[in-house]
Amino acid sequence: MTSARRTLTAGAVATVVALTMAACSTGTEPDSDTADRTTATAEAFLDTYVDGGRVVRTDQGGDTVSEGQAYGLLLAVAADDQSRFDSIWDWTTTNLQRDDGLLAWQWKDGAVVDEQPASDADLDAARALVLAGDAFARDDLRDQGVALGAAVLDEMTAETALGRILLPGPWATASPHAYNPSYASPAAFDVLSRASGDPRWEELAAGSAAVTSALMDANTLPTNWATVADDGAVALAGSAGGGGEPAYGYDAARTTIRFAESCREDDRALAARVAAVLPGGEELPAELDAGAGALTSDRHPVAYAARAAALAASGRDDDARADLQRMADTAASTPTYYGAAWTALATAMLTDDVLDGCPALAGDGAAAGAAGAEAATAPGVGAASGFQDPVAPAAANTAAPVHISIPAIGVDSDLIGLDRGADGWIQSPRDYDAVGWYEKGVLPGEIGPAVIAGHVDSPTGPAVFFDLPRLTPGDTVSVRRADGSTADFVVTGLQTVEKNSFPTESVYAPTPTPQLRLVTCAGAWDPASGHYVDNLVVTAVAV
């Protein structure tokens, strides 16, 4: 390890990542480049934020939390730095470890100020200890990791109808349990399962996947907080205490990263679902509401890391690497403890197997990226309707959709078939009160994004989709098919996009589950062209 690498600053993280991304964005990344980038970003965080074994939140009052200590341990493993690992763990056991083996959450001005443990920190620390035991041939560290993991299982899990779940802390044992989706780490569950042989880790992996799937069925975009009742009922929440409006922010973004590094296909499919609902473009807000609307103009590395994870899980490797470069650039322009931590962690988790996960961007991504590349070559945006053309996979159910019902806005209409015109665009319905489905695309209810379109208004007044903007996450859509079966969906988000720069890849990218895209016109009226300048796209997922 060279002295130059050891002196990287937090701001230099972006330079290292950006140069590597630019060099490798169109092909397979050499293993040596991946390792160098992982080591560089890990060392940059450790050099900047670790002081005598204590990970200092320099931009948050100079305190220390168990989460930060766990990040430091994982990154010391990633950097293959045994001395630094020992220093961080020694400080942690001396200052944070409780009598039950769990870690107190917050330390400030020489003393613990919050004794409650946080399960994500303890889980990450346990994973790091086991990995360090293997990397450094240290049975003592491995044994301490297994013991800390057992304490997590004993004190911070609960059995529900959906399976065993990870509680945020011992304070959440009463049903309905407060639940933070981003605390679950499938890769950590696997590491600790192999090390301990405790069957509860497999139960926790299955239960976490089931809960995350149920929450994403209700709202595809993960939220910072939710609740899970013993009977399996799930609900979005605005905070650990349940108050406020549900939001996607600095916590929720980690959900996709953690599931994208899983070695289980079902977990990675959950991460891939998020790609369809996150806003596209370079300016990605750090916080969104449950419907993917911006809550801030701030940008943060973890938001870009999360979108990179979702894109990578979807097979869109080049887009994912572009977001990792944006992550690095943002970390450089606005250095923070949390931003530097997740710049380094996402680099390790998504591009390297040093933390014993299955990185979504490791190796040759050609096969995985085929579906995403196919969607990206769909016909461009046209002036007539603005309904862009998705690509249809093979359908399992060939019954055509014949009727659509959207109770929240009073739509109850037969469906007609829509084709593409000579200009390559999906033709809009001739009747302003007709609703159509794109016949060359995905059949509603089958895997992928099916497209249903209608007019917003007419020369004489409102048209069938006039009230489409009133839909909110949780509203339902039912599509009856010719064989009498019904495909039911729940709305997860609304997005207004410019027709002249329609985000094909984010709207019509292949999805691992059945989804709908309800499309109509929106925005300002352009008298010159005689059309609206925008589209409204409503995303809904199968239930």
Protein backbone atom coordinates (compact mmCIF):
# COMPACT_ATOMS: atom_id res chain seq x y z
CA MET A 1 0.00 0.00 0.00
CA THR A 2 1.60 3.25 -1.10
CA SER A 3 1.90 6.34 1.00
CA ALA A 4 0.08 8.31 -1.71
CA ARG A 5 -3.00 6.17 -1.28
CA ARG A 6 -2.90 6.58 2.45
CA THR A 7 -3.02 10.38 2.14
CA LEU A 8 -6.20 10.58 0.03
CA THR A 9 -8.68 13.09 1.40
CA ALA A 10 -12.45 12.75 1.40
CA GLY A 11 -12.65 15.06 -1.60
CA ALA A 12 -10.19 12.88 -3.51
CA VAL A 13 -12.60 9.97 -3.32
CA ALA A 14 -14.53 11.45 -6.23
CA THR A 15 -11.44 11.83 -8.39
CA VAL A 16 -10.44 8.21 -7.93
CA VAL A 17 -13.93 6.89 -8.64
CA ALA A 18 -14.66 9.29 -11.48
CA LEU A 19 -11.50 8.42 -13.39
CA THR A 20 -12.11 4.70 -12.99
CA MET A 21 -15.73 5.02 -14.08
CA ALA A 22 -14.80 7.04 -17.15
CA ALA A 23 -12.21 4.49 -18.16
CA CYS A 24 -14.43 1.45 -17.64
CA SER A 25 -17.94 2.62 -18.48
CA THR A 26 -18.22 0.61 -21.70
CA GLY A 27 -16.61 -2.68 -20.78
CA THR A 28 -15.56 -5.10 -18.11
CA GLU A 29 -13.62 -3.59 -15.25
CA PRO A 30 -10.29 -5.31 -14.56
CA ASP A 31 -10.15 -6.89 -11.13
CA SER A 32 -7.09 -4.81 -10.20
CA ASP A 33 -8.91 -1.57 -10.99
CA THR A 34 -11.86 -2.62 -8.86
CA ALA A 35 -9.63 -3.49 -5.93
CA ASP A 36 -7.69 -0.24 -6.26
CA ARG A 37 -10.88 1.83 -6.27
CA THR A 38 -12.32 -0.04 -3.30
CA THR A 39 -9.12 0.41 -1.30
CA ALA A 40 -8.79 4.07 -2.24
CA THR A 41 -12.32 5.06 -1.22
CA ALA A 42 -12.12 3.03 1.99
CA GLU A 43 -8.77 4.54 2.95
CA ALA A 44 -10.03 8.04 2.18
CA PHE A 45 -12.88 7.63 4.65
CA LEU A 46 -10.65 6.07 7.32
CA ASP A 47 -7.97 8.76 6.97
CA THR A 48 -10.48 11.59 7.20
CA TYR A 49 -12.98 10.46 9.84
CA VAL A 50 -11.16 8.04 12.18
CA ASP A 51 -9.32 9.51 15.17
CA GLY A 52 -7.69 7.04 17.51
CA GLY A 53 -10.21 4.33 16.64
CA ARG A 54 -13.20 6.65 16.98
CA VAL A 55 -15.20 7.45 13.83
CA VAL A 56 -16.02 11.13 14.23
CA ARG A 57 -19.05 12.77 12.61
CA THR A 58 -17.17 15.98 12.05
CA ASP A 59 -20.09 17.69 10.34
CA GLN A 60 -22.61 16.64 13.02
CA GLY A 61 -21.19 18.08 16.19
CA GLY A 62 -18.19 15.79 16.54
CA ASP A 63 -20.11 12.91 18.10
CA THR A 64 -19.77 9.20 17.41
CA VAL A 65 -22.49 6.64 16.73
CA SER A 66 -22.37 2.86 16.56
CA GLU A 67 -23.34 3.07 12.89
CA GLY A 68 -20.14 4.99 12.16
CA GLN A 69 -17.99 2.52 14.08
CA ALA A 70 -19.54 -0.32 12.09
CA TYR A 71 -18.89 1.51 8.81
CA GLY A 72 -15.29 2.00 9.88
CA LEU A 73 -14.93 -1.73 10.62
CA LEU A 74 -16.36 -2.73 7.24
CA LEU A 75 -14.12 -0.27 5.41
CA ALA A 76 -11.04 -1.40 7.32
CA VAL A 77 -11.80 -4.92 6.02
CA ALA A 78 -12.28 -3.51 2.51
CA ALA A 79 -8.90 -1.75 2.78
CA ASP A 80 -7.23 -4.87 4.24
CA ASP A 81 -6.06 -2.74 7.16
CA GLN A 82 -5.81 -4.97 10.24
CA SER A 83 -4.19 -2.30 12.41
CA ARG A 84 -6.96 0.18 11.77
CA PHE A 85 -9.60 -2.51 12.28
CA ASP A 86 -8.16 -3.35 15.72
CA SER A 87 -8.05 0.31 16.67
CA ILE A 88 -11.71 0.90 15.73
CA TRP A 89 -12.92 -2.29 17.44
CA ASP A 90 -10.91 -1.60 20.59
CA TRP A 91 -12.42 1.88 20.89
CA THR A 92 -15.88 0.43 20.26
CA THR A 93 -15.67 -2.29 22.91
CA THR A 94 -14.18 0.13 25.43
CA ASN A 95 -16.70 2.91 24.94
CA LEU A 96 -19.90 1.51 23.39
CA GLN A 97 -20.30 -2.17 24.16
CA ARG A 98 -23.02 -2.94 26.69
CA ASP A 99 -23.19 -5.83 29.15
CA ASP A 100 -25.45 -7.77 26.75
CA GLY A 101 -22.87 -7.45 23.96
CA LEU A 102 -24.84 -4.93 21.90
CA LEU A 103 -23.51 -1.45 21.12
CA ALA A 104 -24.85 1.77 22.60
CA TRP A 105 -25.87 4.08 19.80
CA GLN A 106 -24.37 7.51 20.62
CA TRP A 107 -21.25 8.81 22.39
CA LYS A 108 -20.40 12.48 22.84
CA ASP A 109 -18.04 14.58 24.95
CA GLY A 110 -16.47 11.56 26.63
CA ALA A 111 -19.56 9.53 27.53
CA VAL A 112 -22.45 7.51 26.12
CA VAL A 113 -25.49 9.77 25.74
CA ASP A 114 -27.88 7.18 24.24
CA GLU A 115 -27.56 3.62 25.48
CA GLN A 116 -30.13 2.13 23.09
CA PRO A 117 -28.56 -0.12 20.44
CA ALA A 118 -29.36 0.20 16.74
CA SER A 119 -29.67 -3.10 14.92
CA ASP A 120 -28.19 -1.95 11.61
CA ALA A 121 -24.98 -0.89 13.35
CA ASP A 122 -24.71 -4.11 15.36
CA LEU A 123 -25.45 -6.22 12.28
CA ASP A 124 -22.81 -4.41 10.20
CA ALA A 125 -20.29 -4.71 13.02
CA ALA A 126 -20.97 -8.44 13.43
CA ARG A 127 -20.50 -8.95 9.69
CA ALA A 128 -17.26 -6.98 9.75
CA LEU A 129 -15.90 -9.02 12.67
CA VAL A 130 -16.55 -12.32 10.92
CA LEU A 131 -15.02 -11.04 7.68
CA ALA A 132 -12.00 -9.69 9.57
CA GLY A 133 -11.57 -13.02 11.33
CA ASP A 134 -11.33 -14.71 7.95
CA ALA A 135 -9.21 -12.01 6.27
CA PHE A 136 -6.72 -11.69 9.11
CA ALA A 137 -6.80 -15.35 10.25
CA ARG A 138 -8.12 -14.27 13.65
CA ASP A 139 -10.49 -16.67 15.39
CA ASP A 140 -10.99 -14.16 18.19
CA LEU A 141 -12.58 -11.64 15.85
CA ARG A 142 -14.70 -14.28 14.14
CA ASP A 143 -15.99 -15.55 17.50
CA GLN A 144 -16.84 -12.02 18.65
CA GLY A 145 -18.76 -11.46 15.42
CA VAL A 146 -20.79 -14.61 15.94
CA ALA A 147 -21.50 -13.58 19.54
CA LEU A 148 -22.59 -10.08 18.56
CA GLY A 149 -24.81 -11.57 15.87
CA ALA A 150 -26.42 -13.90 18.40
CA ALA A 151 -27.19 -10.92 20.63
CA VAL A 152 -28.89 -9.22 17.66
CA LEU A 153 -31.00 -12.34 17.05
CA ASP A 154 -31.92 -12.64 20.74
CA GLU A 155 -32.73 -9.01 21.45
CA MET A 156 -33.65 -7.34 18.17
CA THR A 157 -35.73 -9.75 16.06
CA ALA A 158 -39.38 -10.74 16.17
CA GLU A 159 -41.45 -13.49 14.59
CA THR A 160 -44.42 -12.38 12.46
CA ALA A 161 -46.76 -13.99 9.96
CA LEU A 162 -44.35 -12.82 7.23
CA GLY A 163 -41.41 -14.43 9.00
CA ARG A 164 -38.67 -13.28 11.35
CA ILE A 165 -37.92 -9.56 11.05
CA LEU A 166 -35.11 -7.29 12.23
CA LEU A 167 -36.33 -4.75 14.75
CA PRO A 168 -34.60 -1.35 14.82
CA GLY A 169 -33.93 -1.83 18.54
CA PRO A 170 -35.15 -3.65 21.65
CA TRP A 171 -37.67 -0.83 22.14
CA ALA A 172 -39.69 -2.04 19.13
CA THR A 173 -40.86 -5.40 20.45
CA ALA A 174 -44.56 -4.46 20.70
CA SER A 175 -46.81 -5.05 17.67
CA PRO A 176 -47.13 -3.25 15.31
CA HIS A 177 -43.36 -3.10 15.27
CA ALA A 178 -41.50 -0.04 14.08
CA TYR A 179 -39.51 -1.18 11.07
CA ASN A 180 -36.69 0.37 9.06
CA PRO A 181 -36.38 -1.41 5.69
CA SER A 182 -32.78 -0.23 5.22
CA TYR A 183 -31.56 -2.05 8.33
CA ALA A 184 -31.99 -5.49 6.70
CA SER A 185 -28.79 -6.70 5.03
CA PRO A 186 -29.14 -9.98 3.09
CA ALA A 187 -25.37 -10.23 2.57
CA ALA A 188 -24.76 -9.82 6.32
CA PHE A 189 -27.40 -12.48 7.07
CA ASP A 190 -25.56 -14.90 4.78
CA VAL A 191 -22.13 -14.13 6.25
CA LEU A 192 -23.38 -14.70 9.79
CA SER A 193 -25.41 -17.76 8.83
CA ARG A 194 -22.33 -19.48 7.40
CA ALA A 195 -20.19 -18.48 10.38
CA SER A 196 -22.64 -19.53 13.10
CA GLY A 197 -24.89 -22.19 11.62
CA ASP A 198 -27.78 -20.54 13.49
CA PRO A 199 -30.98 -21.22 11.46
CA ARG A 200 -32.47 -17.92 12.60
CA TRP A 201 -30.29 -16.08 10.08
CA GLU A 202 -32.01 -17.92 7.23
CA GLU A 203 -35.35 -17.12 8.84
CA LEU A 204 -34.34 -13.47 9.03
CA ALA A 205 -33.27 -13.43 5.38
CA ALA A 206 -36.59 -14.90 4.28
CA GLY A 207 -38.64 -12.67 6.57
CA SER A 208 -36.81 -9.51 5.48
CA ALA A 209 -37.40 -10.33 1.82
CA ALA A 210 -41.09 -11.00 2.49
CA VAL A 211 -41.58 -7.74 4.39
CA THR A 212 -39.66 -5.69 1.82
CA SER A 213 -41.71 -7.25 -0.97
CA ALA A 214 -44.97 -6.52 0.86
CA LEU A 215 -43.95 -2.91 1.49
CA MET A 216 -42.93 -2.44 -2.14
CA ASP A 217 -46.24 -3.91 -3.29
CA ALA A 218 -47.88 -1.11 -1.33
CA ASN A 219 -45.37 1.51 -2.50
CA THR A 220 -42.47 0.55 -4.77
CA LEU A 221 -40.26 3.34 -3.49
CA PRO A 222 -38.85 2.28 -0.09
CA THR A 223 -39.60 4.62 2.79
CA ASN A 224 -37.41 5.46 5.76
CA TRP A 225 -39.83 3.88 8.19
CA ALA A 226 -42.74 1.45 8.20
CA THR A 227 -44.62 -0.78 10.63
CA VAL A 228 -45.03 -4.56 10.64
CA ALA A 229 -47.66 -6.21 12.81
CA ASP A 230 -47.43 -9.73 14.20
CA ASP A 231 -50.22 -10.78 11.82
CA GLY A 232 -48.12 -9.66 8.84
CA ALA A 233 -49.92 -6.37 8.13
CA VAL A 234 -47.50 -3.72 6.86
CA ALA A 235 -47.88 0.05 6.58
CA LEU A 236 -45.71 3.00 5.62
CA ALA A 237 -44.70 5.36 8.42
CA GLY A 238 -43.21 8.83 8.60
CA SER A 239 -40.86 8.13 11.51
CA ALA A 240 -39.84 5.53 14.05
CA GLY A 241 -42.75 6.72 16.15
CA GLY A 242 -45.15 6.61 13.22
CA GLY A 243 -45.71 10.36 12.91
CA GLY A 244 -45.21 12.51 9.84
CA GLU A 245 -45.45 11.69 6.15
CA PRO A 246 -43.64 8.64 4.73
CA ALA A 247 -40.56 9.65 2.75
CA TYR A 248 -37.60 8.24 0.85
CA GLY A 249 -34.43 9.76 2.22
CA TYR A 250 -31.02 9.10 3.69
CA ASP A 251 -32.15 5.89 5.44
CA ALA A 252 -34.37 4.44 2.73
CA ALA A 253 -31.75 4.83 0.01
CA ARG A 254 -29.65 2.15 1.71
CA THR A 255 -32.39 -0.46 1.18
CA THR A 256 -31.68 -0.78 -2.52
CA ILE A 257 -27.91 -0.91 -2.02
CA ARG A 258 -28.17 -3.68 0.52
CA PHE A 259 -30.57 -5.77 -1.57
CA ALA A 260 -28.57 -5.22 -4.77
CA GLU A 261 -25.46 -6.78 -3.19
CA SER A 262 -27.38 -9.90 -2.17
CA CYS A 263 -26.48 -13.23 -3.75
CA ARG A 264 -30.19 -14.14 -3.88
CA GLU A 265 -32.05 -13.48 -7.12
CA ASP A 266 -35.28 -12.55 -5.33
CA ASP A 267 -33.49 -9.88 -3.31
CA ARG A 268 -31.86 -8.41 -6.39
CA ALA A 269 -35.23 -8.35 -8.14
CA LEU A 270 -36.58 -6.20 -5.31
CA ALA A 271 -33.70 -3.76 -5.80
CA ALA A 272 -34.41 -3.70 -9.54
CA ARG A 273 -38.03 -2.67 -8.96
CA VAL A 274 -36.89 0.66 -7.52
CA ALA A 275 -35.31 1.71 -10.84
CA ALA A 276 -38.75 2.16 -12.40
CA VAL A 277 -39.93 4.76 -9.88
CA LEU A 278 -36.85 6.85 -9.12
CA PRO A 279 -36.57 10.13 -11.05
CA GLY A 280 -34.09 10.13 -13.92
CA GLY A 281 -31.53 12.75 -14.88
CA GLU A 282 -28.39 14.14 -13.33
CA GLU A 283 -30.09 16.24 -10.64
CA LEU A 284 -31.41 13.54 -8.29
CA PRO A 285 -32.94 14.99 -5.09
CA ALA A 286 -31.64 13.53 -1.85
CA GLU A 287 -35.14 13.19 -0.40
CA LEU A 288 -38.40 12.26 -2.11
CA ASP A 289 -41.95 11.77 -0.91
CA ALA A 290 -43.55 8.34 -1.18
CA GLY A 291 -44.69 9.16 -4.71
CA ALA A 292 -41.14 10.09 -5.82
CA GLY A 293 -41.78 13.84 -5.73
CA ALA A 294 -38.84 16.01 -4.66
CA LEU A 295 -38.77 17.16 -1.03
CA THR A 296 -35.49 19.04 -1.40
CA SER A 297 -33.13 20.35 -4.04
CA ASP A 298 -30.14 18.98 -2.09
CA ARG A 299 -28.10 16.20 -3.62
CA HIS A 300 -26.30 13.45 -1.69
CA PRO A 301 -23.97 10.58 -2.62
CA VAL A 302 -26.18 7.92 -1.03
CA ALA A 303 -29.09 8.85 -3.33
CA TYR A 304 -26.95 8.33 -6.42
CA ALA A 305 -25.53 5.12 -4.92
CA ALA A 306 -29.04 3.81 -4.40
CA ARG A 307 -30.12 4.58 -7.95
CA ALA A 308 -26.90 2.97 -9.22
CA ALA A 309 -27.79 -0.14 -7.21
CA ALA A 310 -31.30 -0.28 -8.67
CA LEU A 311 -30.02 0.24 -12.20
CA ALA A 312 -27.30 -2.38 -11.77
CA ALA A 313 -29.82 -4.88 -10.43
CA SER A 314 -31.91 -4.15 -13.54
CA GLY A 315 -28.96 -4.94 -15.79
CA ARG A 316 -28.37 -1.33 -16.83
CA ASP A 317 -24.68 -1.32 -16.01
CA ASP A 318 -23.59 1.77 -17.95
CA ASP A 319 -26.33 3.88 -16.35
CA ALA A 320 -25.36 2.51 -12.94
CA ARG A 321 -21.71 3.42 -13.44
CA ALA A 322 -22.72 6.92 -14.50
CA ASP A 323 -24.56 7.28 -11.19
CA LEU A 324 -21.54 6.02 -9.25
CA GLN A 325 -19.57 8.80 -10.90
CA ARG A 326 -22.26 11.31 -9.88
CA MET A 327 -22.03 9.86 -6.36
CA ALA A 328 -18.30 10.51 -6.32
CA ASP A 329 -18.63 14.00 -7.76
CA THR A 330 -21.23 14.91 -5.15
CA ALA A 331 -19.04 13.54 -2.36
CA ALA A 332 -16.22 15.74 -3.56
CA SER A 333 -18.26 18.91 -3.92
CA THR A 334 -19.93 18.57 -0.50
CA PRO A 335 -17.78 16.40 1.81
CA THR A 336 -19.67 14.83 4.73
CA TYR A 337 -19.14 11.87 7.04
CA TYR A 338 -22.24 10.06 5.79
CA GLY A 339 -21.56 10.85 2.14
CA ALA A 340 -17.96 9.63 2.35
CA ALA A 341 -19.05 6.48 4.20
CA TRP A 342 -21.60 5.48 1.59
CA THR A 343 -19.36 6.45 -1.30
CA ALA A 344 -16.85 3.93 0.02
CA LEU A 345 -19.42 1.32 1.08
CA ALA A 346 -21.35 1.45 -2.19
CA THR A 347 -18.10 1.11 -4.11
CA ALA A 348 -17.25 -2.03 -2.15
CA MET A 349 -20.76 -3.48 -2.13
CA LEU A 350 -21.65 -2.86 -5.78
CA THR A 351 -18.33 -3.37 -7.58
CA ASP A 352 -16.24 -5.70 -5.39
CA ASP A 353 -16.70 -8.96 -3.48
CA VAL A 354 -14.37 -7.96 -0.65
CA LEU A 355 -17.32 -7.84 1.80
CA ASP A 356 -18.47 -11.31 0.71
CA GLY A 357 -21.56 -10.18 -1.16
CA CYS A 358 -22.40 -10.57 -4.85
CA PRO A 359 -21.63 -7.16 -6.40
CA ALA A 360 -24.09 -6.20 -9.11
CA LEU A 361 -21.42 -4.41 -11.16
CA ALA A 362 -18.63 -6.96 -10.93
CA GLY A 363 -17.40 -8.84 -13.99
CA ASP A 364 -18.94 -8.90 -17.45
CA GLY A 365 -22.29 -7.15 -17.37
CA ALA A 366 -23.13 -7.82 -21.02
CA ALA A 367 -25.69 -10.56 -20.42
CA ALA A 368 -27.34 -8.86 -17.50
CA GLY A 369 -27.53 -5.59 -19.38
CA ALA A 370 -29.14 -6.97 -22.53
CA ALA A 371 -32.70 -6.21 -21.51
CA GLY A 372 -31.84 -2.68 -20.45
CA ALA A 373 -30.04 -2.03 -23.74
CA GLU A 374 -33.08 -3.28 -25.65
CA ALA A 375 -35.37 -0.82 -23.89
CA ALA A 376 -32.95 2.01 -24.57
CA THR A 377 -33.29 1.50 -28.33
CA ALA A 378 -37.08 1.91 -28.34
CA PRO A 379 -38.46 4.53 -30.78
CA GLY A 380 -38.04 8.16 -29.79
CA VAL A 381 -40.61 10.66 -28.63
CA GLY A 382 -43.00 11.92 -31.27
CA ALA A 383 -45.12 15.02 -31.46
CA ALA A 384 -48.55 13.48 -31.83
CA SER A 385 -49.08 11.65 -28.59
CA GLY A 386 -45.80 11.44 -26.72
CA PHE A 387 -46.48 7.78 -25.85
CA GLN A 388 -43.10 6.15 -26.17
CA ASP A 389 -42.79 2.49 -27.18
CA PRO A 390 -41.63 -0.13 -24.65
CA VAL A 391 -40.35 -3.55 -25.66
CA ALA A 392 -42.51 -6.57 -24.93
CA PRO A 393 -41.12 -9.81 -23.49
CA ALA A 394 -42.79 -13.14 -24.16
CA ALA A 395 -46.15 -13.27 -22.37
CA ALA A 396 -47.34 -16.15 -20.20
CA ASN A 397 -51.02 -15.12 -20.45
CA THR A 398 -52.04 -14.21 -24.00
CA ALA A 399 -55.55 -12.98 -23.13
CA ALA A 400 -55.97 -9.40 -24.31
CA PRO A 401 -57.05 -6.71 -21.83
CA VAL A 402 -60.63 -5.59 -22.44
CA HIS A 403 -61.60 -3.29 -19.58
CA ILE A 404 -59.96 -0.92 -17.08
CA SER A 405 -61.28 0.39 -13.76
CA ILE A 406 -59.68 3.18 -11.69
CA PRO A 407 -62.17 3.81 -8.84
CA ALA A 408 -60.34 6.82 -7.32
CA ILE A 409 -60.97 8.95 -10.42
CA GLY A 410 -64.14 7.31 -11.72
CA VAL A 411 -62.63 5.66 -14.80
CA ASP A 412 -64.57 2.57 -15.92
CA SER A 413 -63.87 1.95 -19.58
CA ASP A 414 -63.44 -0.71 -22.22
CA LEU A 415 -59.95 -0.95 -23.67
CA ILE A 416 -59.07 -0.66 -27.34
CA GLY A 417 -55.82 -1.73 -28.98
CA LEU A 418 -53.21 0.85 -29.96
CA ASP A 419 -50.51 0.40 -32.59
CA ARG A 420 -47.63 2.55 -33.75
CA GLY A 421 -47.98 5.13 -36.45
CA ALA A 422 -45.70 5.76 -39.42
CA ASP A 423 -43.69 8.16 -37.27
CA GLY A 424 -42.82 5.35 -34.87
CA TRP A 425 -45.06 6.66 -32.12
CA ILE A 426 -47.85 4.88 -30.31
CA GLN A 427 -51.05 6.16 -31.81
CA SER A 428 -53.40 7.95 -29.44
CA PRO A 429 -57.06 6.83 -29.27
CA ARG A 430 -59.29 8.45 -31.90
CA ASP A 431 -62.10 8.83 -29.36
CA TYR A 432 -61.26 11.32 -26.60
CA ASP A 433 -63.16 9.17 -24.08
CA ALA A 434 -61.49 5.91 -25.12
CA VAL A 435 -58.66 4.22 -23.23
CA GLY A 436 -56.16 2.13 -25.17
CA TRP A 437 -53.41 -0.36 -24.47
CA TYR A 438 -50.29 -0.77 -26.60
CA GLU A 439 -50.74 -4.11 -28.35
CA LYS A 440 -47.08 -4.59 -29.32
CA GLY A 441 -45.97 -4.07 -25.74
CA VAL A 442 -46.41 -6.00 -22.51
CA LEU A 443 -49.79 -7.57 -21.76
CA PRO A 444 -51.18 -6.06 -18.53
CA GLY A 445 -50.56 -8.52 -15.73
CA GLU A 446 -47.48 -10.07 -17.31
CA ILE A 447 -43.86 -9.38 -16.40
CA GLY A 448 -42.76 -5.92 -17.48
CA PRO A 449 -44.26 -2.44 -17.94
CA ALA A 450 -47.59 -2.53 -19.82
CA VAL A 451 -48.73 0.78 -21.32
CA ILE A 452 -52.27 2.16 -21.16
CA ALA A 453 -52.96 5.61 -22.62
CA GLY A 454 -55.78 8.12 -22.87
CA HIS A 455 -56.43 11.78 -23.60
CA VAL A 456 -56.44 14.43 -20.87
CA ASP A 457 -58.90 16.74 -22.65
CA SER A 458 -60.62 17.45 -25.96
CA PRO A 459 -61.71 20.48 -27.98
CA THR A 460 -64.98 20.47 -26.03
CA GLY A 461 -63.81 19.71 -22.48
CA PRO A 462 -62.20 17.13 -20.16
CA ALA A 463 -61.36 13.68 -21.58
CA VAL A 464 -61.17 10.25 -19.96
CA PHE A 465 -57.80 10.76 -18.20
CA PHE A 466 -58.47 14.35 -17.10
CA ASP A 467 -58.27 13.36 -13.43
CA LEU A 468 -55.21 11.11 -13.77
CA PRO A 469 -53.04 13.69 -11.90
CA ARG A 470 -55.29 13.20 -8.84
CA LEU A 471 -54.11 9.62 -8.34
CA THR A 472 -51.98 9.02 -5.26
CA PRO A 473 -49.86 6.06 -4.14
CA GLY A 474 -52.15 3.34 -2.85
CA ASP A 475 -54.97 3.94 -5.36
CA THR A 476 -55.94 0.83 -7.29
CA VAL A 477 -56.23 -0.06 -10.98
CA SER A 478 -57.92 -3.22 -12.26
CA VAL A 479 -57.59 -4.61 -15.78
CA ARG A 480 -60.01 -7.33 -16.89
CA ARG A 481 -58.78 -9.65 -19.61
CA ALA A 482 -60.61 -11.53 -22.36
CA ASP A 483 -60.41 -14.84 -20.50
CA GLY A 484 -62.28 -13.34 -17.52
CA SER A 485 -59.19 -12.99 -15.31
CA THR A 486 -58.31 -9.67 -13.65
CA ALA A 487 -54.90 -8.09 -13.15
CA ASP A 488 -54.91 -5.78 -10.12
CA PHE A 489 -52.39 -3.01 -9.54
CA VAL A 490 -51.62 -0.35 -6.94
CA VAL A 491 -50.32 3.10 -7.83
CA THR A 492 -46.78 3.79 -6.61
CA GLY A 493 -45.94 7.16 -8.14
CA LEU A 494 -46.56 9.92 -10.69
CA GLN A 495 -43.96 11.58 -12.89
CA THR A 496 -44.22 14.49 -15.33
CA VAL A 497 -41.67 14.28 -18.15
CA GLU A 498 -40.87 16.39 -21.20
CA LYS A 499 -41.91 14.79 -24.47
CA ASN A 500 -38.79 16.09 -26.21
CA SER A 501 -36.51 14.41 -23.67
CA PHE A 502 -38.64 11.45 -22.67
CA PRO A 503 -36.68 9.27 -20.17
CA THR A 504 -37.15 6.01 -22.03
CA GLU A 505 -34.77 4.01 -19.90
CA SER A 506 -36.38 4.88 -16.58
CA VAL A 507 -40.01 4.72 -17.72
CA TYR A 508 -39.98 1.63 -19.91
CA ALA A 509 -37.03 -0.33 -18.59
CA PRO A 510 -37.65 -4.07 -18.16
CA THR A 511 -38.99 -4.88 -14.71
CA PRO A 512 -38.94 -8.18 -12.81
CA THR A 513 -42.64 -7.86 -11.89
CA PRO A 514 -45.90 -6.97 -13.68
CA GLN A 515 -46.36 -3.20 -13.78
CA LEU A 516 -48.48 -0.55 -15.50
CA ARG A 517 -47.63 2.80 -17.05
CA LEU A 518 -50.72 5.00 -17.37
CA VAL A 519 -49.88 7.82 -19.76
CA THR A 520 -51.58 11.07 -20.74
CA CYS A 521 -50.58 14.57 -21.80
CA ALA A 522 -49.54 17.24 -19.31
CA GLY A 523 -47.76 20.54 -18.95
CA ALA A 524 -48.19 23.64 -21.08
CA TRP A 525 -50.10 23.78 -24.36
CA ASP A 526 -47.92 24.59 -27.37
CA PRO A 527 -50.04 26.50 -29.92
CA ALA A 528 -47.39 26.07 -32.60
CA SER A 529 -47.54 22.27 -32.56
CA GLY A 530 -51.09 21.94 -31.27
CA HIS A 531 -49.98 19.58 -28.49
CA TYR A 532 -48.99 19.56 -24.82
CA VAL A 533 -45.26 19.67 -24.13
CA ASP A 534 -45.18 17.04 -21.36
CA ASN A 535 -46.47 13.61 -20.46
CA LEU A 536 -47.81 12.44 -17.13
CA VAL A 537 -46.71 8.87 -16.37
CA VAL A 538 -48.38 7.00 -13.51
CA THR A 539 -46.54 3.90 -12.30
CA ALA A 540 -48.46 1.01 -10.75
CA VAL A 541 -47.32 -2.43 -9.63
CA ALA A 542 -49.18 -5.72 -9.48
CA VAL A 543 -50.75 -6.83 -6.20
